[in-house]
Amino acid sequence: MMDSELGKLSLTREDQDELIWDGSDDTDSTLNDYCLVGKFLTDKTLDFTAMSNRLVNLWRPGKGIHIKDIPSNRYLFKFFHFVDMRRVLDGGPWTFDNFHLVLHHYKPGDIPATIPLNHFAIWVQVHEVPVGYMSERIGVQLGHAIGEFVSYDHVNNSGFWKSYMRIRVRLDVRPSLLRWKKIRRADAGLVVVRFQYERLGVFCYLCSLIRHTDLFCPRLFQESEQEVKPEWGAWLKAPVRRHAQVVDKWLRDEQGMALGNTVSMFQGASSSVSNQGSSASTTAANPH
């Protein structure tokens, strides 16, 4: 009887008593406004030291960075200047061992272990775009069909003819990757455009989820001895973009012939940590 009364008393105190704080004084001095919480889209245990070194070498933050391993396979990235943090958020997608890193701007009051980490930005190439369809308006609609439209690459998409449209999209990793989209125009009928994703990391050819390969897909264990045929493939990955680099007129090949005015170079070096940013002029989406 006494234990029961004590239990009721304790419950009542917990329900009624509240700690009031006006938020005016300093709290955790170890955090600032330039913290990101992140998670790699894999259940695999990663080498923390190797991951940290690779990211630091890639990001090269001018004012430094502190990376901390926290529970739930998540990491805290503490920057010491807004410019460094903003560059990382606006760049990407970032990968390590081909696994995508999802980041979120951590703010006071957030609980790192419960913050949803389901989105990252990626450049998408829209192929087989008919003449007359290469417009920002169509790009915005396609971006929202894939995920959430972020920006439109005017440099790539302008000119007499381009092989594909390039848009930046905030991608939700939970649904299947969009492979194509139908566009109906009143005066021209139905067309189908297809998508390729730049710097796309590990994803499953059976279900297209961006966190495992088809070797470990749950669909393999849901079918009863029937072969599960892949509906996605490596063709969803865009080839590495190239850019022209001017070559000095004095350079020659082994036979003494001039190398020409330009030579095609890979954009960015191959690395287990990669990103896909853009120096191209873009138009950002209007905030909702």
C-alpha atoms as a PDB file:
ATOM      1  CA  MET A   1       0.000   0.000   0.000  1.00  0.00           C
ATOM      2  CA  MET A   2       2.785   2.416   0.907  1.00  0.00           C
ATOM      3  CA  ASP A   3       4.729   1.572  -2.297  1.00  0.00           C
ATOM      4  CA  SER A   4       1.602   2.232  -4.341  1.00  0.00           C
ATOM      5  CA  GLU A   5       1.089   5.647  -2.737  1.00  0.00           C
ATOM      6  CA  LEU A   6       4.733   6.554  -3.261  1.00  0.00           C
ATOM      7  CA  GLY A   7       4.414   5.579  -6.923  1.00  0.00           C
ATOM      8  CA  LYS A   8       1.414   7.845  -7.335  1.00  0.00           C
ATOM      9  CA  LEU A   9       3.186  10.706  -5.575  1.00  0.00           C
ATOM     10  CA  SER A  10       6.252  10.397  -7.801  1.00  0.00           C
ATOM     11  CA  LEU A  11       4.143  10.300 -10.958  1.00  0.00           C
ATOM     12  CA  THR A  12       2.211  13.376  -9.875  1.00  0.00           C
ATOM     13  CA  ARG A  13       5.384  15.351  -9.203  1.00  0.00           C
ATOM     14  CA  GLU A  14       6.828  14.411 -12.593  1.00  0.00           C
ATOM     15  CA  ASP A  15       3.682  15.474 -14.381  1.00  0.00           C
ATOM     16  CA  GLN A  16       3.180  18.759 -12.590  1.00  0.00           C
ATOM     17  CA  ASP A  17       6.658  20.130 -11.978  1.00  0.00           C
ATOM     18  CA  GLU A  18       8.319  21.951 -14.871  1.00  0.00           C
ATOM     19  CA  LEU A  19      11.690  23.592 -15.161  1.00  0.00           C
ATOM     20  CA  ILE A  20      11.316  27.098 -16.571  1.00  0.00           C
ATOM     21  CA  TRP A  21      14.189  28.556 -18.620  1.00  0.00           C
ATOM     22  CA  ASP A  22      14.046  31.769 -20.616  1.00  0.00           C
ATOM     23  CA  GLY A  23      17.020  30.793 -22.792  1.00  0.00           C
ATOM     24  CA  SER A  24      18.878  33.996 -22.007  1.00  0.00           C
ATOM     25  CA  ASP A  25      22.053  32.597 -20.429  1.00  0.00           C
ATOM     26  CA  ASP A  26      24.799  30.474 -21.950  1.00  0.00           C
ATOM     27  CA  THR A  27      24.272  26.718 -22.096  1.00  0.00           C
ATOM     28  CA  ASP A  28      26.618  24.185 -23.640  1.00  0.00           C
ATOM     29  CA  SER A  29      29.790  26.076 -24.493  1.00  0.00           C
ATOM     30  CA  THR A  30      31.055  23.177 -26.614  1.00  0.00           C
ATOM     31  CA  LEU A  31      28.460  23.862 -29.312  1.00  0.00           C
ATOM     32  CA  ASN A  32      28.030  26.856 -31.585  1.00  0.00           C
ATOM     33  CA  ASP A  33      25.846  27.829 -34.497  1.00  0.00           C
ATOM     34  CA  TYR A  34      28.098  26.059 -36.991  1.00  0.00           C
ATOM     35  CA  CYS A  35      27.485  22.398 -36.143  1.00  0.00           C
ATOM     36  CA  LEU A  36      26.266  19.701 -38.500  1.00  0.00           C
ATOM     37  CA  VAL A  37      25.023  16.246 -37.605  1.00  0.00           C
ATOM     38  CA  GLY A  38      25.540  13.601 -40.253  1.00  0.00           C
ATOM     39  CA  LYS A  39      25.136   9.944 -41.079  1.00  0.00           C
ATOM     40  CA  PHE A  40      26.461   7.757 -43.861  1.00  0.00           C
ATOM     41  CA  LEU A  41      23.784   5.726 -45.616  1.00  0.00           C
ATOM     42  CA  THR A  42      25.092   2.331 -44.595  1.00  0.00           C
ATOM     43  CA  ASP A  43      24.908  -0.100 -41.702  1.00  0.00           C
ATOM     44  CA  LYS A  44      28.577  -0.884 -42.231  1.00  0.00           C
ATOM     45  CA  THR A  45      31.030   0.219 -39.551  1.00  0.00           C
ATOM     46  CA  LEU A  46      33.361   2.833 -41.022  1.00  0.00           C
ATOM     47  CA  ASP A  47      36.930   3.649 -40.063  1.00  0.00           C
ATOM     48  CA  PHE A  48      36.476   6.906 -38.143  1.00  0.00           C
ATOM     49  CA  THR A  49      40.072   8.078 -38.525  1.00  0.00           C
ATOM     50  CA  ALA A  50      40.197   7.392 -42.255  1.00  0.00           C
ATOM     51  CA  MET A  51      36.810   9.042 -42.780  1.00  0.00           C
ATOM     52  CA  SER A  52      37.797  12.136 -40.782  1.00  0.00           C
ATOM     53  CA  ASN A  53      41.095  12.571 -42.597  1.00  0.00           C
ATOM     54  CA  ARG A  54      39.512  12.199 -46.025  1.00  0.00           C
ATOM     55  CA  LEU A  55      36.713  14.689 -45.298  1.00  0.00           C
ATOM     56  CA  VAL A  56      39.109  17.231 -43.817  1.00  0.00           C
ATOM     57  CA  ASN A  57      41.401  16.985 -46.842  1.00  0.00           C
ATOM     58  CA  LEU A  58      38.446  17.400 -49.158  1.00  0.00           C
ATOM     59  CA  TRP A  59      36.653  20.229 -47.324  1.00  0.00           C
ATOM     60  CA  ARG A  60      39.807  22.086 -46.217  1.00  0.00           C
ATOM     61  CA  PRO A  61      37.966  24.362 -43.762  1.00  0.00           C
ATOM     62  CA  GLY A  62      39.780  27.661 -43.415  1.00  0.00           C
ATOM     63  CA  LYS A  63      39.114  27.919 -39.669  1.00  0.00           C
ATOM     64  CA  GLY A  64      39.323  24.213 -38.900  1.00  0.00           C
ATOM     65  CA  ILE A  65      36.826  21.547 -37.914  1.00  0.00           C
ATOM     66  CA  HIS A  66      36.231  19.109 -35.049  1.00  0.00           C
ATOM     67  CA  ILE A  67      34.581  15.767 -35.834  1.00  0.00           C
ATOM     68  CA  LYS A  68      33.043  13.669 -33.073  1.00  0.00           C
ATOM     69  CA  ASP A  69      31.674  10.134 -33.213  1.00  0.00           C
ATOM     70  CA  ILE A  70      28.273   9.939 -31.464  1.00  0.00           C
ATOM     71  CA  PRO A  71      25.768   7.083 -30.930  1.00  0.00           C
ATOM     72  CA  SER A  72      23.451   5.729 -33.633  1.00  0.00           C
ATOM     73  CA  ASN A  73      26.264   5.702 -36.220  1.00  0.00           C
ATOM     74  CA  ARG A  74      26.155   9.491 -36.444  1.00  0.00           C
ATOM     75  CA  TYR A  75      28.782  12.196 -36.383  1.00  0.00           C
ATOM     76  CA  LEU A  76      28.971  15.801 -35.230  1.00  0.00           C
ATOM     77  CA  PHE A  77      30.913  18.229 -37.417  1.00  0.00           C
ATOM     78  CA  LYS A  78      31.787  21.412 -35.545  1.00  0.00           C
ATOM     79  CA  PHE A  79      32.995  24.264 -37.734  1.00  0.00           C
ATOM     80  CA  PHE A  80      34.457  27.503 -36.458  1.00  0.00           C
ATOM     81  CA  HIS A  81      33.264  29.790 -39.214  1.00  0.00           C
ATOM     82  CA  PHE A  82      30.004  30.147 -41.108  1.00  0.00           C
ATOM     83  CA  VAL A  83      31.720  30.139 -44.510  1.00  0.00           C
ATOM     84  CA  ASP A  84      33.231  26.686 -43.919  1.00  0.00           C
ATOM     85  CA  MET A  85      29.908  25.200 -42.820  1.00  0.00           C
ATOM     86  CA  ARG A  86      27.967  26.819 -45.668  1.00  0.00           C
ATOM     87  CA  ARG A  87      30.437  25.549 -48.259  1.00  0.00           C
ATOM     88  CA  VAL A  88      29.929  21.980 -47.069  1.00  0.00           C
ATOM     89  CA  LEU A  89      26.133  22.290 -46.964  1.00  0.00           C
ATOM     90  CA  ASP A  90      25.968  23.841 -50.426  1.00  0.00           C
ATOM     91  CA  GLY A  91      28.451  21.398 -51.931  1.00  0.00           C
ATOM     92  CA  GLY A  92      28.209  17.690 -52.343  1.00  0.00           C
ATOM     93  CA  PRO A  93      26.936  15.112 -52.531  1.00  0.00           C
ATOM     94  CA  TRP A  94      29.674  13.833 -50.242  1.00  0.00           C
ATOM     95  CA  THR A  95      30.600  10.164 -50.028  1.00  0.00           C
ATOM     96  CA  PHE A  96      33.077   7.975 -48.207  1.00  0.00           C
ATOM     97  CA  ASP A  97      33.732   4.455 -49.500  1.00  0.00           C
ATOM     98  CA  ASN A  98      30.936   5.294 -51.977  1.00  0.00           C
ATOM     99  CA  PHE A  99      28.365   5.704 -49.180  1.00  0.00           C
ATOM    100  CA  HIS A 100      26.464   8.985 -49.183  1.00  0.00           C
ATOM    101  CA  LEU A 101      26.753  11.377 -46.255  1.00  0.00           C
ATOM    102  CA  VAL A 102      23.489  13.047 -45.196  1.00  0.00           C
ATOM    103  CA  LEU A 103      23.917  16.279 -43.229  1.00  0.00           C
ATOM    104  CA  HIS A 104      21.648  18.505 -41.149  1.00  0.00           C
ATOM    105  CA  HIS A 105      22.334  21.891 -39.568  1.00  0.00           C
ATOM    106  CA  TYR A 106      22.350  21.115 -35.847  1.00  0.00           C
ATOM    107  CA  LYS A 107      20.822  23.839 -33.686  1.00  0.00           C
ATOM    108  CA  PRO A 108      20.374  24.275 -29.910  1.00  0.00           C
ATOM    109  CA  GLY A 109      17.425  22.205 -28.736  1.00  0.00           C
ATOM    110  CA  ASP A 110      17.924  19.468 -31.338  1.00  0.00           C
ATOM    111  CA  ILE A 111      18.604  15.897 -30.264  1.00  0.00           C
ATOM    112  CA  PRO A 112      21.245  14.478 -32.652  1.00  0.00           C
ATOM    113  CA  ALA A 113      20.030  10.884 -32.332  1.00  0.00           C
ATOM    114  CA  THR A 114      16.453  11.767 -33.365  1.00  0.00           C
ATOM    115  CA  ILE A 115      17.066  14.275 -36.167  1.00  0.00           C
ATOM    116  CA  PRO A 116      15.682  12.841 -39.445  1.00  0.00           C
ATOM    117  CA  LEU A 117      18.525  12.371 -41.940  1.00  0.00           C
ATOM    118  CA  ASN A 118      16.842  11.489 -45.207  1.00  0.00           C
ATOM    119  CA  HIS A 119      17.822  14.156 -47.754  1.00  0.00           C
ATOM    120  CA  PHE A 120      20.879  15.304 -49.671  1.00  0.00           C
ATOM    121  CA  ALA A 121      21.395  17.503 -52.727  1.00  0.00           C
ATOM    122  CA  ILE A 122      22.578  16.032 -56.017  1.00  0.00           C
ATOM    123  CA  TRP A 123      22.950  17.139 -59.626  1.00  0.00           C
ATOM    124  CA  VAL A 124      20.628  15.300 -62.027  1.00  0.00           C
ATOM    125  CA  GLN A 125      21.023  15.108 -65.791  1.00  0.00           C
ATOM    126  CA  VAL A 126      17.797  15.029 -67.816  1.00  0.00           C
ATOM    127  CA  HIS A 127      18.391  13.231 -71.112  1.00  0.00           C
ATOM    128  CA  GLU A 128      16.413  12.970 -74.360  1.00  0.00           C
ATOM    129  CA  VAL A 129      14.950  16.431 -73.879  1.00  0.00           C
ATOM    130  CA  PRO A 130      13.243  17.448 -77.153  1.00  0.00           C
ATOM    131  CA  VAL A 131      13.924  20.765 -78.848  1.00  0.00           C
ATOM    132  CA  GLY A 132      11.789  23.429 -77.238  1.00  0.00           C
ATOM    133  CA  TYR A 133      11.679  21.696 -73.848  1.00  0.00           C
ATOM    134  CA  MET A 134      15.002  22.985 -72.503  1.00  0.00           C
ATOM    135  CA  SER A 135      13.497  25.594 -70.194  1.00  0.00           C
ATOM    136  CA  GLU A 136      13.836  26.489 -66.546  1.00  0.00           C
ATOM    137  CA  ARG A 137      10.088  26.087 -66.033  1.00  0.00           C
ATOM    138  CA  ILE A 138      10.237  22.455 -67.122  1.00  0.00           C
ATOM    139  CA  GLY A 139      13.406  21.982 -65.064  1.00  0.00           C
ATOM    140  CA  VAL A 140      11.659  23.207 -61.932  1.00  0.00           C
ATOM    141  CA  GLN A 141       8.748  20.808 -62.473  1.00  0.00           C
ATOM    142  CA  LEU A 142      11.074  17.879 -63.127  1.00  0.00           C
ATOM    143  CA  GLY A 143      13.094  18.763 -60.028  1.00  0.00           C
ATOM    144  CA  HIS A 144      10.000  18.646 -57.850  1.00  0.00           C
ATOM    145  CA  ALA A 145       9.030  15.310 -59.441  1.00  0.00           C
ATOM    146  CA  ILE A 146      12.421  13.808 -58.526  1.00  0.00           C
ATOM    147  CA  GLY A 147      12.580  15.395 -55.069  1.00  0.00           C
ATOM    148  CA  GLU A 148      12.748  19.103 -54.269  1.00  0.00           C
ATOM    149  CA  PHE A 149      14.053  21.507 -56.901  1.00  0.00           C
ATOM    150  CA  VAL A 150      17.120  23.460 -55.789  1.00  0.00           C
ATOM    151  CA  SER A 151      18.649  25.155 -58.834  1.00  0.00           C
ATOM    152  CA  TYR A 152      18.895  25.224 -62.611  1.00  0.00           C
ATOM    153  CA  ASP A 153      22.274  25.164 -64.358  1.00  0.00           C
ATOM    154  CA  HIS A 154      21.972  28.024 -66.857  1.00  0.00           C
ATOM    155  CA  VAL A 155      25.529  27.592 -68.163  1.00  0.00           C
ATOM    156  CA  ASN A 156      24.989  23.948 -69.093  1.00  0.00           C
ATOM    157  CA  ASN A 157      21.406  24.370 -70.273  1.00  0.00           C
ATOM    158  CA  SER A 158      21.815  27.446 -72.496  1.00  0.00           C
ATOM    159  CA  GLY A 159      22.992  27.529 -76.082  1.00  0.00           C
ATOM    160  CA  PHE A 160      21.851  26.283 -79.473  1.00  0.00           C
ATOM    161  CA  TRP A 161      21.767  22.611 -78.473  1.00  0.00           C
ATOM    162  CA  LYS A 162      22.665  20.660 -75.349  1.00  0.00           C
ATOM    163  CA  SER A 163      22.735  16.901 -74.906  1.00  0.00           C
ATOM    164  CA  TYR A 164      20.989  17.097 -71.544  1.00  0.00           C
ATOM    165  CA  MET A 165      19.409  19.449 -69.012  1.00  0.00           C
ATOM    166  CA  ARG A 166      21.157  19.769 -65.648  1.00  0.00           C
ATOM    167  CA  ILE A 167      19.258  20.526 -62.435  1.00  0.00           C
ATOM    168  CA  ARG A 168      20.092  20.285 -58.740  1.00  0.00           C
ATOM    169  CA  VAL A 169      17.619  18.423 -56.564  1.00  0.00           C
ATOM    170  CA  ARG A 170      17.222  17.744 -52.867  1.00  0.00           C
ATOM    171  CA  LEU A 171      16.729  14.007 -52.956  1.00  0.00           C
ATOM    172  CA  ASP A 172      14.718  11.960 -50.458  1.00  0.00           C
ATOM    173  CA  VAL A 173      16.544   8.639 -49.974  1.00  0.00           C
ATOM    174  CA  ARG A 174      13.467   6.707 -48.813  1.00  0.00           C
ATOM    175  CA  PRO A 175      11.478   6.247 -52.061  1.00  0.00           C
ATOM    176  CA  SER A 176      12.789   4.623 -55.219  1.00  0.00           C
ATOM    177  CA  LEU A 177      15.014   6.601 -57.559  1.00  0.00           C
ATOM    178  CA  LEU A 178      13.064   8.086 -60.439  1.00  0.00           C
ATOM    179  CA  ARG A 179      14.266   6.663 -63.738  1.00  0.00           C
ATOM    180  CA  TRP A 180      12.199   8.652 -66.223  1.00  0.00           C
ATOM    181  CA  LYS A 181       9.284  11.046 -66.426  1.00  0.00           C
ATOM    182  CA  LYS A 182       6.541  11.578 -68.988  1.00  0.00           C
ATOM    183  CA  ILE A 183       5.869  15.115 -70.185  1.00  0.00           C
ATOM    184  CA  ARG A 184       2.690  15.926 -72.082  1.00  0.00           C
ATOM    185  CA  ARG A 185       2.596  19.108 -74.094  1.00  0.00           C
ATOM    186  CA  ALA A 186      -0.733  20.208 -75.545  1.00  0.00           C
ATOM    187  CA  ASP A 187       0.694  21.076 -78.962  1.00  0.00           C
ATOM    188  CA  ALA A 188       3.291  18.296 -79.229  1.00  0.00           C
ATOM    189  CA  GLY A 189       1.967  15.156 -77.559  1.00  0.00           C
ATOM    190  CA  LEU A 190       3.770  12.892 -75.060  1.00  0.00           C
ATOM    191  CA  VAL A 191       7.529  12.651 -74.555  1.00  0.00           C
ATOM    192  CA  VAL A 192       9.615  10.669 -72.084  1.00  0.00           C
ATOM    193  CA  VAL A 193      12.812  12.031 -70.530  1.00  0.00           C
ATOM    194  CA  ARG A 194      15.222   9.892 -68.545  1.00  0.00           C
ATOM    195  CA  PHE A 195      17.436  10.761 -65.588  1.00  0.00           C
ATOM    196  CA  GLN A 196      21.057  10.160 -64.659  1.00  0.00           C
ATOM    197  CA  TYR A 197      22.464  11.113 -61.241  1.00  0.00           C
ATOM    198  CA  GLU A 198      25.917  12.651 -60.929  1.00  0.00           C
ATOM    199  CA  ARG A 199      28.249  11.148 -58.292  1.00  0.00           C
ATOM    200  CA  LEU A 200      25.622   8.620 -57.263  1.00  0.00           C
ATOM    201  CA  GLY A 201      27.108   6.268 -54.675  1.00  0.00           C
ATOM    202  CA  VAL A 202      26.012   2.843 -53.505  1.00  0.00           C
ATOM    203  CA  PHE A 203      22.437   1.948 -54.401  1.00  0.00           C
ATOM    204  CA  CYS A 204      20.475  -1.242 -54.992  1.00  0.00           C
ATOM    205  CA  TYR A 205      19.632  -2.396 -58.525  1.00  0.00           C
ATOM    206  CA  LEU A 206      16.634  -4.358 -57.181  1.00  0.00           C
ATOM    207  CA  CYS A 207      14.870  -1.701 -55.083  1.00  0.00           C
ATOM    208  CA  SER A 208      17.006   1.417 -55.815  1.00  0.00           C
ATOM    209  CA  LEU A 209      17.412   2.333 -52.144  1.00  0.00           C
ATOM    210  CA  ILE A 210      20.596   4.308 -51.483  1.00  0.00           C
ATOM    211  CA  ARG A 211      22.017   2.310 -48.586  1.00  0.00           C
ATOM    212  CA  HIS A 212      22.862  -1.190 -49.806  1.00  0.00           C
ATOM    213  CA  THR A 213      23.673  -3.156 -52.948  1.00  0.00           C
ATOM    214  CA  ASP A 214      21.512  -5.797 -54.583  1.00  0.00           C
ATOM    215  CA  LEU A 215      23.563  -8.488 -52.801  1.00  0.00           C
ATOM    216  CA  PHE A 216      21.945  -7.509 -49.487  1.00  0.00           C
ATOM    217  CA  CYS A 217      18.519  -6.368 -50.663  1.00  0.00           C
ATOM    218  CA  PRO A 218      15.566  -7.540 -48.496  1.00  0.00           C
ATOM    219  CA  ARG A 219      13.666  -8.346 -51.698  1.00  0.00           C
ATOM    220  CA  LEU A 220      15.925 -11.367 -52.154  1.00  0.00           C
ATOM    221  CA  PHE A 221      14.363 -12.944 -49.076  1.00  0.00           C
ATOM    222  CA  GLN A 222      10.784 -11.980 -49.894  1.00  0.00           C
ATOM    223  CA  GLU A 223      10.504 -13.933 -53.134  1.00  0.00           C
ATOM    224  CA  SER A 224       9.984 -17.688 -52.956  1.00  0.00           C
ATOM    225  CA  GLU A 225      12.786 -19.159 -55.045  1.00  0.00           C
ATOM    226  CA  GLN A 226      11.930 -16.843 -57.926  1.00  0.00           C
ATOM    227  CA  GLU A 227      14.665 -14.825 -59.524  1.00  0.00           C
ATOM    228  CA  VAL A 228      14.386 -11.166 -58.638  1.00  0.00           C
ATOM    229  CA  LYS A 229      15.123  -9.167 -61.757  1.00  0.00           C
ATOM    230  CA  PRO A 230      16.775  -5.757 -61.361  1.00  0.00           C
ATOM    231  CA  GLU A 231      14.684  -2.794 -62.480  1.00  0.00           C
ATOM    232  CA  TRP A 232      17.497  -0.271 -61.992  1.00  0.00           C
ATOM    233  CA  GLY A 233      21.116  -0.370 -63.065  1.00  0.00           C
ATOM    234  CA  ALA A 234      24.450   1.369 -63.475  1.00  0.00           C
ATOM    235  CA  TRP A 235      22.926   3.415 -66.314  1.00  0.00           C
ATOM    236  CA  LEU A 236      21.389   5.656 -63.621  1.00  0.00           C
ATOM    237  CA  LYS A 237      24.897   6.897 -62.801  1.00  0.00           C
ATOM    238  CA  ALA A 238      25.972   9.810 -64.958  1.00  0.00           C
ATOM    239  CA  PRO A 239      29.457   9.561 -66.495  1.00  0.00           C
ATOM    240  CA  VAL A 240      32.097  11.768 -64.896  1.00  0.00           C
ATOM    241  CA  ARG A 241      31.757  15.236 -66.371  1.00  0.00           C
ATOM    242  CA  ARG A 242      34.727  16.620 -68.270  1.00  0.00           C
ATOM    243  CA  HIS A 243      35.920  20.140 -68.862  1.00  0.00           C
ATOM    244  CA  ALA A 244      38.442  21.625 -71.233  1.00  0.00           C
ATOM    245  CA  GLN A 245      41.763  22.847 -69.942  1.00  0.00           C
ATOM    246  CA  VAL A 246      44.009  25.115 -71.983  1.00  0.00           C
ATOM    247  CA  VAL A 247      47.309  23.538 -72.980  1.00  0.00           C
ATOM    248  CA  ASP A 248      50.447  25.611 -73.530  1.00  0.00           C
ATOM    249  CA  LYS A 249      51.172  26.006 -77.248  1.00  0.00           C
ATOM    250  CA  TRP A 250      54.750  24.816 -76.734  1.00  0.00           C
ATOM    251  CA  LEU A 251      53.755  21.329 -75.556  1.00  0.00           C
ATOM    252  CA  ARG A 252      54.232  18.450 -78.017  1.00  0.00           C
ATOM    253  CA  ASP A 253      53.550  14.733 -78.119  1.00  0.00           C
ATOM    254  CA  GLU A 254      56.307  12.107 -78.566  1.00  0.00           C
ATOM    255  CA  GLN A 255      56.334  12.656 -82.339  1.00  0.00           C
ATOM    256  CA  GLY A 256      56.767  16.427 -81.900  1.00  0.00           C
ATOM    257  CA  MET A 257      53.217  17.276 -82.930  1.00  0.00           C
ATOM    258  CA  ALA A 258      51.359  20.100 -81.194  1.00  0.00           C
ATOM    259  CA  LEU A 259      48.854  18.879 -78.632  1.00  0.00           C
ATOM    260  CA  GLY A 260      46.240  21.431 -79.716  1.00  0.00           C
ATOM    261  CA  ASN A 261      44.505  24.216 -77.899  1.00  0.00           C
ATOM    262  CA  THR A 262      42.641  22.117 -75.359  1.00  0.00           C
ATOM    263  CA  VAL A 263      42.715  18.705 -73.780  1.00  0.00           C
ATOM    264  CA  SER A 264      39.824  16.957 -72.078  1.00  0.00           C
ATOM    265  CA  MET A 265      40.364  16.468 -68.368  1.00  0.00           C
ATOM    266  CA  PHE A 266      38.329  14.710 -65.705  1.00  0.00           C
ATOM    267  CA  GLN A 267      36.489  17.108 -63.419  1.00  0.00           C
ATOM    268  CA  GLY A 268      37.850  16.259 -59.993  1.00  0.00           C
ATOM    269  CA  ALA A 269      40.111  13.415 -58.968  1.00  0.00           C
ATOM    270  CA  SER A 270      38.986   9.911 -58.192  1.00  0.00           C
ATOM    271  CA  SER A 271      38.702   9.399 -54.463  1.00  0.00           C
ATOM    272  CA  SER A 272      36.809   7.345 -51.917  1.00  0.00           C
ATOM    273  CA  VAL A 273      35.525  10.677 -50.685  1.00  0.00           C
ATOM    274  CA  SER A 274      33.887  12.677 -53.434  1.00  0.00           C
ATOM    275  CA  ASN A 275      31.619  15.591 -54.047  1.00  0.00           C
ATOM    276  CA  GLN A 276      29.772  17.150 -56.929  1.00  0.00           C
ATOM    277  CA  GLY A 277      29.668  20.885 -56.647  1.00  0.00           C
ATOM    278  CA  SER A 278      29.328  23.382 -59.451  1.00  0.00           C
ATOM    279  CA  SER A 279      30.868  26.706 -60.275  1.00  0.00           C
ATOM    280  CA  ALA A 280      28.190  27.242 -62.900  1.00  0.00           C
ATOM    281  CA  SER A 281      25.712  30.061 -62.610  1.00  0.00           C
ATOM    282  CA  THR A 282      22.481  28.739 -61.127  1.00  0.00           C
ATOM    283  CA  THR A 283      19.100  30.050 -60.164  1.00  0.00           C
ATOM    284  CA  ALA A 284      17.955  28.943 -56.722  1.00  0.00           C
ATOM    285  CA  ALA A 285      14.436  27.781 -56.011  1.00  0.00           C
ATOM    286  CA  ASN A 286      12.142  30.142 -54.242  1.00  0.00           C
ATOM    287  CA  PRO A 287      11.784  29.273 -50.539  1.00  0.00           C
ATOM    288  CA  HIS A 288       8.490  27.699 -49.602  1.00  0.00           C
END
